[in-house]
Amino acid sequence: AAAAAATMLGDTSSPFTGKLYSRVTYACNHPQHATMMLTPFNTINLPVRRRHRRAPSLYAALEHFTRHERVDDARCPRCGTASATTCLKFAQLPACLCVTLGRVQQHAADVAAAAA
């Protein structure tokens, strides 16, 4: 059984492999109606955005990556209730976390303000 679980989750023996925990909670808020999944990962892709005229930070990007998001077109598979929230959490961090930071295009006003 343990070997089957390891195969299902992927090889996590690499120092670069971790596990993400994702959960979808439906508006009916019944704990047995939530959907949960563990997914192996090797790299986390984070967009870097300037917020409120402050320099972007890794902390803010990670916070954005793990925040709760509303999913309007989701329906509970058991009771049919519309709307849900989803979030990602780190279930197991790798020994070496690889993060790619993607630049997000800024508005011209933000660029002008930064140059001033």
C-alpha atoms as a PDB file:
ATOM      1  CA  ALA A   1       0.000   0.000   0.000  1.00  0.00           C
ATOM      2  CA  ALA A   2       2.846   2.405   0.806  1.00  0.00           C
ATOM      3  CA  ALA A   3       4.489   1.687  -2.555  1.00  0.00           C
ATOM      4  CA  ALA A   4       1.214   2.405  -4.363  1.00  0.00           C
ATOM      5  CA  ALA A   5       0.835   5.700  -2.491  1.00  0.00           C
ATOM      6  CA  ALA A   6       4.429   6.678  -3.336  1.00  0.00           C
ATOM      7  CA  THR A   7       3.800   5.895  -7.007  1.00  0.00           C
ATOM      8  CA  MET A   8       0.585   7.906  -6.970  1.00  0.00           C
ATOM      9  CA  LEU A   9       2.288  10.945  -5.442  1.00  0.00           C
ATOM     10  CA  GLY A  10       5.398  10.671  -7.582  1.00  0.00           C
ATOM     11  CA  ASP A  11       8.976  10.199  -6.499  1.00  0.00           C
ATOM     12  CA  THR A  12       9.634  12.500  -3.537  1.00  0.00           C
ATOM     13  CA  SER A  13      13.130  11.162  -2.870  1.00  0.00           C
ATOM     14  CA  SER A  14      14.666  13.998  -4.924  1.00  0.00           C
ATOM     15  CA  PRO A  15      15.884  16.966  -2.853  1.00  0.00           C
ATOM     16  CA  PHE A  16      13.909  19.187  -5.281  1.00  0.00           C
ATOM     17  CA  THR A  17      10.529  17.424  -4.958  1.00  0.00           C
ATOM     18  CA  GLY A  18       7.854  18.507  -2.499  1.00  0.00           C
ATOM     19  CA  LYS A  19       4.079  18.119  -2.185  1.00  0.00           C
ATOM     20  CA  LEU A  20       1.312  20.667  -2.601  1.00  0.00           C
ATOM     21  CA  TYR A  21      -1.985  20.231  -0.787  1.00  0.00           C
ATOM     22  CA  SER A  22      -4.983  21.642  -2.625  1.00  0.00           C
ATOM     23  CA  ARG A  23      -8.463  21.877  -1.157  1.00  0.00           C
ATOM     24  CA  VAL A  24     -11.743  22.952  -2.703  1.00  0.00           C
ATOM     25  CA  THR A  25     -14.388  23.879  -0.142  1.00  0.00           C
ATOM     26  CA  TYR A  26     -17.920  24.261  -1.480  1.00  0.00           C
ATOM     27  CA  ALA A  27     -20.401  26.907  -0.318  1.00  0.00           C
ATOM     28  CA  CYS A  28     -22.499  24.230   1.426  1.00  0.00           C
ATOM     29  CA  ASN A  29     -19.516  24.141   3.857  1.00  0.00           C
ATOM     30  CA  HIS A  30     -20.055  20.476   4.702  1.00  0.00           C
ATOM     31  CA  PRO A  31     -16.617  19.024   5.606  1.00  0.00           C
ATOM     32  CA  GLN A  32     -17.331  15.727   3.846  1.00  0.00           C
ATOM     33  CA  HIS A  33     -18.116  17.580   0.611  1.00  0.00           C
ATOM     34  CA  ALA A  34     -14.641  19.165   0.287  1.00  0.00           C
ATOM     35  CA  THR A  35     -12.208  17.914  -2.346  1.00  0.00           C
ATOM     36  CA  MET A  36      -8.565  17.434  -1.319  1.00  0.00           C
ATOM     37  CA  MET A  37      -5.518  16.410  -3.336  1.00  0.00           C
ATOM     38  CA  LEU A  38      -1.754  16.006  -2.845  1.00  0.00           C
ATOM     39  CA  THR A  39       0.363  16.826  -5.886  1.00  0.00           C
ATOM     40  CA  PRO A  40       4.140  16.509  -6.245  1.00  0.00           C
ATOM     41  CA  PHE A  41       6.070  19.564  -7.503  1.00  0.00           C
ATOM     42  CA  ASN A  42       9.646  20.402  -8.418  1.00  0.00           C
ATOM     43  CA  THR A  43       9.340  24.142  -9.084  1.00  0.00           C
ATOM     44  CA  ILE A  44       7.002  26.881  -7.921  1.00  0.00           C
ATOM     45  CA  ASN A  45       6.197  29.599 -10.485  1.00  0.00           C
ATOM     46  CA  LEU A  46       5.409  32.901  -8.787  1.00  0.00           C
ATOM     47  CA  PRO A  47       4.358  36.124 -10.499  1.00  0.00           C
ATOM     48  CA  VAL A  48       6.082  39.169  -9.033  1.00  0.00           C
ATOM     49  CA  ARG A  49       3.795  42.184  -8.853  1.00  0.00           C
ATOM     50  CA  ARG A  50       4.346  45.644  -7.537  1.00  0.00           C
ATOM     51  CA  ARG A  51       1.756  46.399  -4.861  1.00  0.00           C
ATOM     52  CA  HIS A  52       0.830  49.855  -3.595  1.00  0.00           C
ATOM     53  CA  ARG A  53       4.034  51.423  -4.915  1.00  0.00           C
ATOM     54  CA  ARG A  54       6.186  49.069  -2.818  1.00  0.00           C
ATOM     55  CA  ALA A  55       8.905  46.889  -4.254  1.00  0.00           C
ATOM     56  CA  PRO A  56       7.762  43.304  -4.898  1.00  0.00           C
ATOM     57  CA  SER A  57       8.826  40.678  -2.392  1.00  0.00           C
ATOM     58  CA  LEU A  58       9.143  36.910  -2.302  1.00  0.00           C
ATOM     59  CA  TYR A  59       6.971  36.885   0.817  1.00  0.00           C
ATOM     60  CA  ALA A  60       4.142  38.710  -0.996  1.00  0.00           C
ATOM     61  CA  ALA A  61       4.425  36.359  -3.981  1.00  0.00           C
ATOM     62  CA  LEU A  62       4.214  33.268  -1.732  1.00  0.00           C
ATOM     63  CA  GLU A  63       1.290  34.790   0.160  1.00  0.00           C
ATOM     64  CA  HIS A  64      -0.514  35.361  -3.143  1.00  0.00           C
ATOM     65  CA  PHE A  65       0.245  31.771  -4.251  1.00  0.00           C
ATOM     66  CA  THR A  66      -1.345  30.275  -1.108  1.00  0.00           C
ATOM     67  CA  ARG A  67      -4.323  32.616  -0.680  1.00  0.00           C
ATOM     68  CA  HIS A  68      -7.941  31.472  -0.846  1.00  0.00           C
ATOM     69  CA  GLU A  69      -9.615  32.105  -4.190  1.00  0.00           C
ATOM     70  CA  ARG A  70     -13.288  32.113  -5.045  1.00  0.00           C
ATOM     71  CA  VAL A  71     -14.436  29.711  -7.781  1.00  0.00           C
ATOM     72  CA  ASP A  72     -17.844  30.836  -9.020  1.00  0.00           C
ATOM     73  CA  ASP A  73     -18.494  28.118 -11.603  1.00  0.00           C
ATOM     74  CA  ALA A  74     -17.850  25.171  -9.246  1.00  0.00           C
ATOM     75  CA  ARG A  75     -20.656  22.934  -8.004  1.00  0.00           C
ATOM     76  CA  CYS A  76     -20.532  20.526  -5.091  1.00  0.00           C
ATOM     77  CA  PRO A  77     -20.516  17.016  -6.588  1.00  0.00           C
ATOM     78  CA  ARG A  78     -22.704  15.712  -3.737  1.00  0.00           C
ATOM     79  CA  CYS A  79     -25.376  18.329  -3.179  1.00  0.00           C
ATOM     80  CA  GLY A  80     -25.037  20.637  -6.221  1.00  0.00           C
ATOM     81  CA  THR A  81     -24.467  23.843  -4.238  1.00  0.00           C
ATOM     82  CA  ALA A  82     -22.883  26.509  -6.446  1.00  0.00           C
ATOM     83  CA  SER A  83     -19.685  28.433  -5.622  1.00  0.00           C
ATOM     84  CA  ALA A  84     -16.543  27.308  -3.810  1.00  0.00           C
ATOM     85  CA  THR A  85     -13.171  28.466  -2.553  1.00  0.00           C
ATOM     86  CA  THR A  86      -9.841  26.838  -3.280  1.00  0.00           C
ATOM     87  CA  CYS A  87      -6.361  27.194  -1.843  1.00  0.00           C
ATOM     88  CA  LEU A  88      -2.919  25.667  -2.126  1.00  0.00           C
ATOM     89  CA  LYS A  89      -0.658  24.895   0.819  1.00  0.00           C
ATOM     90  CA  PHE A  90       2.733  23.271   1.066  1.00  0.00           C
ATOM     91  CA  ALA A  91       2.192  19.775   2.486  1.00  0.00           C
ATOM     92  CA  GLN A  92       5.886  18.897   2.296  1.00  0.00           C
ATOM     93  CA  LEU A  93       8.678  21.287   1.376  1.00  0.00           C
ATOM     94  CA  PRO A  94      11.629  19.914  -0.561  1.00  0.00           C
ATOM     95  CA  ALA A  95      15.154  20.173   0.863  1.00  0.00           C
ATOM     96  CA  CYS A  96      15.886  22.670  -1.937  1.00  0.00           C
ATOM     97  CA  LEU A  97      12.944  24.845  -3.014  1.00  0.00           C
ATOM     98  CA  CYS A  98      13.200  26.025  -6.637  1.00  0.00           C
ATOM     99  CA  VAL A  99      11.239  29.181  -7.359  1.00  0.00           C
ATOM    100  CA  THR A 100      10.907  30.918 -10.705  1.00  0.00           C
ATOM    101  CA  LEU A 101       9.894  34.549 -10.522  1.00  0.00           C
ATOM    102  CA  GLY A 102       7.889  35.852 -13.460  1.00  0.00           C
ATOM    103  CA  ARG A 103       7.782  39.521 -14.207  1.00  0.00           C
ATOM    104  CA  VAL A 104       4.296  40.902 -14.701  1.00  0.00           C
ATOM    105  CA  GLN A 105       3.921  43.808 -17.084  1.00  0.00           C
ATOM    106  CA  GLN A 106       3.283  47.072 -15.277  1.00  0.00           C
ATOM    107  CA  HIS A 107       1.043  49.915 -16.318  1.00  0.00           C
ATOM    108  CA  ALA A 108       2.741  52.959 -17.831  1.00  0.00           C
ATOM    109  CA  ALA A 109       1.736  55.058 -14.799  1.00  0.00           C
ATOM    110  CA  ASP A 110       3.536  52.660 -12.452  1.00  0.00           C
ATOM    111  CA  VAL A 111       6.678  52.772 -14.612  1.00  0.00           C
ATOM    112  CA  ALA A 112       6.607  56.581 -14.701  1.00  0.00           C
ATOM    113  CA  ALA A 113       6.116  56.779 -10.930  1.00  0.00           C
ATOM    114  CA  ALA A 114       9.004  54.388 -10.330  1.00  0.00           C
ATOM    115  CA  ALA A 115      11.286  56.456 -12.575  1.00  0.00           C
ATOM    116  CA  ALA A 116      10.440  59.689 -10.732  1.00  0.00           C
END
